[in-house]
Amino acid sequence: MYELCPETPEDTPEVEALLDLCFAPGRTALSSYRLRDGVPAVSALCLVLRDASGVLLGSIRYWPVRVGGRPVLLLGPVAVHPTTQGEGLGGLLMQESLSRAGALGWARVMLVGDLPYYRRFGFWKLDGVEMPPPTNPDRVLGLELVEGAWQGVTGAVTRETGGDVAAGLAEMRRDPPKSQTCVEIESEPAHPARKG
């Protein structure tokens, strides 16, 4: 059994240790971290995955950014403990968090990653969206949670300066979101169907 819950401040030291374990030293020097610096994460979408014993197995985080002045979710980092990689836990984190993002009213998501992996979740290479250097443009990927949400959205990716994620949601919100808390998963997560 697994438990998937929103990340709390008490989880943060463990999550940071997991990120240090999964990523190369100097990860915080990447361009995506410059976009996150001093900006609150979208806490409702930052999730942790624990086993029945309470051991942290994975985490996923999201941050608000702007592209061409439009609100966008920046996905990442997502990490799964090396001892459980390949078991579908990353897919579980992706699917649950993207579902919650849609329920909250977000229309578009982007990340910097490997297209062959993220394509299975519906991501594609974004043209005309520029991450701060030295990001490889082939690794800038996008996903629409609302059909057509990326149409005409181009330009430099910039930090969210509104000071309030709700301000970024104002143009998209249709209905108030339902409260989303922990989810228990009783069986092994299913591997997502590959697309393409």
Protein backbone atom coordinates (compact mmCIF):
# COMPACT_ATOMS: atom_id res chain seq x y z
CA MET A 1 0.00 0.00 0.00
CA TYR A 2 1.14 3.52 -0.79
CA GLU A 3 -0.02 6.89 0.47
CA LEU A 4 0.09 9.97 -1.75
CA CYS A 5 -0.25 13.25 0.15
CA PRO A 6 0.43 16.95 -0.30
CA GLU A 7 3.95 17.83 0.82
CA THR A 8 4.08 19.54 4.22
CA PRO A 9 6.91 21.59 5.74
CA GLU A 10 7.76 18.52 7.84
CA ASP A 11 8.37 16.54 4.62
CA THR A 12 10.72 19.12 3.09
CA PRO A 13 14.04 17.89 4.60
CA GLU A 14 13.32 14.34 3.40
CA VAL A 15 12.27 15.57 -0.05
CA GLU A 16 15.43 17.66 -0.38
CA ALA A 17 17.53 14.62 0.62
CA LEU A 18 15.73 12.53 -2.01
CA LEU A 19 16.38 15.18 -4.67
CA ASP A 20 20.06 15.28 -3.70
CA LEU A 21 20.19 11.48 -4.04
CA CYS A 22 18.45 11.41 -7.43
CA PHE A 23 20.06 14.37 -9.16
CA ALA A 24 23.60 15.49 -9.84
CA PRO A 25 25.39 17.86 -7.48
CA GLY A 26 24.69 21.46 -8.41
CA ARG A 27 21.06 20.76 -9.34
CA THR A 28 20.03 24.09 -7.84
CA ALA A 29 22.18 25.93 -10.41
CA LEU A 30 19.88 24.81 -13.26
CA SER A 31 17.84 27.48 -15.04
CA SER A 32 14.55 26.10 -13.72
CA TYR A 33 15.71 26.79 -10.16
CA ARG A 34 16.24 30.46 -11.02
CA LEU A 35 12.57 30.62 -11.97
CA ARG A 36 11.59 29.09 -8.61
CA ASP A 37 13.87 31.17 -6.40
CA GLY A 38 11.80 33.24 -3.98
CA VAL A 39 8.51 32.08 -5.53
CA PRO A 40 6.15 29.90 -3.48
CA ALA A 41 5.47 26.47 -4.94
CA VAL A 42 1.92 25.50 -5.91
CA SER A 43 1.51 23.62 -2.65
CA ALA A 44 -1.69 21.77 -3.59
CA LEU A 45 0.25 20.02 -6.37
CA CYS A 46 3.48 19.23 -4.51
CA LEU A 47 2.99 15.61 -3.53
CA VAL A 48 4.92 12.96 -1.61
CA LEU A 49 4.55 9.22 -1.99
CA ARG A 50 5.24 6.96 0.98
CA ASP A 51 5.04 3.21 1.49
CA ALA A 52 3.01 1.54 4.25
CA SER A 53 5.94 2.03 6.65
CA GLY A 54 6.06 5.76 5.98
CA VAL A 55 9.28 5.63 3.93
CA LEU A 56 9.47 8.40 1.33
CA LEU A 57 9.60 6.83 -2.13
CA GLY A 58 8.90 9.80 -4.38
CA SER A 59 7.97 13.43 -4.72
CA ILE A 60 6.77 15.90 -7.32
CA ARG A 61 6.67 19.69 -7.21
CA TYR A 62 5.13 22.48 -9.30
CA TRP A 63 5.84 26.21 -9.54
CA PRO A 64 3.99 29.07 -11.21
CA VAL A 65 5.74 30.79 -14.12
CA ARG A 66 4.67 33.03 -16.99
CA VAL A 67 5.10 32.58 -20.73
CA GLY A 68 4.15 35.58 -22.81
CA GLY A 69 2.43 36.95 -19.73
CA ARG A 70 0.20 33.87 -19.41
CA PRO A 71 0.15 31.62 -16.32
CA VAL A 72 1.87 28.26 -16.73
CA LEU A 73 2.71 25.45 -14.34
CA LEU A 74 6.38 24.48 -14.28
CA LEU A 75 6.54 20.81 -13.36
CA GLY A 76 9.57 19.60 -11.51
CA PRO A 77 11.46 18.24 -9.99
CA VAL A 78 9.94 14.79 -9.88
CA ALA A 79 12.00 12.13 -8.11
CA VAL A 80 11.64 8.47 -7.24
CA HIS A 81 14.01 6.71 -4.86
CA PRO A 82 16.57 4.69 -6.87
CA THR A 83 15.52 1.43 -5.19
CA THR A 84 11.98 1.75 -6.57
CA GLN A 85 12.62 3.26 -10.00
CA GLY A 86 10.97 1.34 -12.83
CA GLU A 87 7.96 0.36 -10.69
CA GLY A 88 5.59 2.99 -12.09
CA LEU A 89 5.79 5.34 -9.11
CA GLY A 90 6.90 8.30 -11.22
CA GLY A 91 3.91 7.72 -13.49
CA LEU A 92 1.63 7.61 -10.48
CA LEU A 93 2.98 10.95 -9.23
CA MET A 94 2.60 12.48 -12.70
CA GLN A 95 -0.95 11.26 -13.31
CA GLU A 96 -2.31 12.21 -9.88
CA SER A 97 -0.69 15.65 -9.83
CA LEU A 98 -1.76 16.49 -13.40
CA SER A 99 -5.31 15.43 -12.56
CA ARG A 100 -5.26 17.74 -9.53
CA ALA A 101 -3.81 20.57 -11.63
CA GLY A 102 -6.70 20.30 -14.05
CA ALA A 103 -9.20 20.26 -11.17
CA LEU A 104 -7.62 23.44 -9.80
CA GLY A 105 -8.15 25.20 -13.12
CA TRP A 106 -4.65 25.20 -14.59
CA ALA A 107 -4.69 25.08 -18.39
CA ARG A 108 -1.07 24.44 -19.38
CA VAL A 109 2.00 22.73 -17.97
CA MET A 110 5.63 22.79 -19.02
CA LEU A 111 8.80 21.03 -17.95
CA VAL A 112 12.40 20.51 -18.97
CA GLY A 113 12.98 16.82 -19.62
CA ASP A 114 13.38 13.89 -22.00
CA LEU A 115 10.60 13.72 -24.59
CA PRO A 116 10.74 9.90 -24.95
CA TYR A 117 9.80 9.57 -21.26
CA TYR A 118 7.27 12.41 -20.92
CA ARG A 119 5.50 11.77 -24.24
CA ARG A 120 3.55 8.96 -22.52
CA PHE A 121 1.82 11.62 -20.39
CA GLY A 122 0.92 13.75 -23.41
CA PHE A 123 3.86 16.19 -23.43
CA TRP A 124 5.40 17.43 -26.68
CA LYS A 125 8.24 19.75 -27.62
CA LEU A 126 7.26 23.40 -27.29
CA ASP A 127 8.31 25.71 -30.11
CA GLY A 128 8.74 29.38 -29.34
CA VAL A 129 8.95 28.94 -25.56
CA GLU A 130 12.36 30.02 -24.30
CA MET A 131 13.74 28.84 -20.97
CA PRO A 132 16.65 30.81 -19.51
CA PRO A 133 20.01 29.58 -20.83
CA PRO A 134 21.71 27.16 -20.92
CA THR A 135 18.56 25.03 -21.37
CA ASN A 136 18.50 22.80 -24.47
CA PRO A 137 15.38 23.92 -26.41
CA ASP A 138 14.67 20.31 -27.44
CA ARG A 139 14.00 19.52 -23.76
CA VAL A 140 11.36 22.25 -23.26
CA LEU A 141 8.09 20.31 -23.24
CA GLY A 142 4.44 21.25 -22.80
CA LEU A 143 1.07 19.70 -22.03
CA GLU A 144 -2.44 21.11 -22.41
CA LEU A 145 -4.88 20.43 -19.59
CA VAL A 146 -7.43 22.45 -21.55
CA GLU A 147 -7.57 21.94 -25.31
CA GLY A 148 -5.83 24.76 -27.17
CA ALA A 149 -4.26 26.21 -24.03
CA TRP A 150 -0.78 26.51 -25.59
CA GLN A 151 -2.09 28.02 -28.84
CA GLY A 152 -0.41 31.39 -29.33
CA VAL A 153 1.49 31.18 -26.02
CA THR A 154 5.15 31.87 -26.81
CA GLY A 155 8.08 33.86 -25.51
CA ALA A 156 10.47 33.80 -22.61
CA VAL A 157 9.64 31.86 -19.48
CA THR A 158 9.67 34.30 -16.57
CA ARG A 159 9.18 34.10 -12.83
CA GLU A 160 5.70 34.58 -11.42
CA THR A 161 5.83 38.01 -9.83
CA GLY A 162 2.17 38.33 -8.90
CA GLY A 163 2.99 37.21 -5.39
CA ASP A 164 -0.11 35.05 -5.40
CA VAL A 165 -0.71 31.89 -7.39
CA ALA A 166 -4.44 32.63 -7.24
CA ALA A 167 -3.84 35.69 -9.41
CA GLY A 168 -2.45 33.43 -12.11
CA LEU A 169 -5.48 31.20 -11.87
CA ALA A 170 -8.00 34.02 -12.17
CA GLU A 171 -8.17 33.84 -15.97
CA MET A 172 -8.80 30.09 -15.93
CA ARG A 173 -10.89 29.16 -12.90
CA ARG A 174 -14.35 27.92 -13.71
CA ASP A 175 -15.46 26.33 -10.44
CA PRO A 176 -13.94 26.36 -6.97
CA PRO A 177 -11.62 23.37 -6.53
CA LYS A 178 -12.61 20.50 -4.31
CA SER A 179 -10.38 19.79 -1.35
CA GLN A 180 -7.80 17.18 -2.30
CA THR A 181 -5.87 15.43 0.39
CA CYS A 182 -4.17 12.06 0.76
CA VAL A 183 -4.96 9.11 -1.47
CA GLU A 184 -4.28 5.50 -0.51
CA ILE A 185 -3.23 3.15 -3.28
CA GLU A 186 -3.69 -0.50 -2.41
CA SER A 187 -1.95 -2.23 -5.28
CA GLU A 188 1.09 -1.72 -7.43
CA PRO A 189 0.71 1.34 -9.66
CA ALA A 190 -0.07 0.60 -13.26
CA HIS A 191 2.49 1.62 -15.84
CA PRO A 192 0.98 4.34 -18.04
CA ALA A 193 0.08 3.36 -21.56
CA ARG A 194 2.67 4.56 -24.02
CA LYS A 195 1.48 6.95 -26.65
CA GLY A 196 2.94 7.45 -30.11
